[in-house]
Structure formats: C-alpha cells, structure tokens
C-alpha cells in the first residue's frame, strides 16, 4: 500500500505499508497498523522517555512490581491524555510526558533551591 501525506507529486515520497496477508482489505490493514503503532510508541515511551529500560529484574517479586508500576504509569498518562485532548486534537503519550516532566522537574529544582 502506498500513501502520500499530501497530493501526489513527482518529488513527493510515499509512505509504504507492507502486508503479507492478501485476504485483508485496506481498512483492516490500516486498523491493525494503527493499533500496532500505538503499542510500539507506548513501548518506546516507557523504555526511553520514562527510563524503564534501566531496570534489571532477577526476582519474581521485582518483575511483579515493575509491571505494577508500568501499569499505573500507563493509566495515569492515558488519563491525562484523555483530559488534555480537546477539539479533536490527537495527543500521544509523549505529548503528555513532556509537560509532566517539565512541571515536576521544576518543582524538584525549586524545592532543592529553597532548602
């Protein structure tokens, strides 16, 4: 499947989406891609933006706590994302993470400087 962001021109570059299941229609392929894209970007946010790639887990209890923290974080960010979306504007989890990090980092720096 080839798709162009805007109207096709000789110099425009298409986005290419490949699918090995020939029985799927275009709408189904795009729906699956959209769902998978959300999973991939969420995984990236947790690993890179939130630092979850720094954990080394050896015990079952550590793994259980890691997933509990990740689940709570995901729910908090998704709740904020839903609250902040308006007028049909789409926000990603990254769009939500950045202002939260800025706000809390600022609060931490303020508390350190005050003491």
Foldseek 3Di string as FASTA:
>chain_A
DWAFPDDDDPPGDTDDDDDPPPVDDPVVSVVVVVVVVLVVVLVCCVVPVVPLVPDDDDDPVVVVVSVVVSVVVVVVLVVVQVVPDDPNDHDHSVNSSVVVCVVVVVVVVVVVVVD
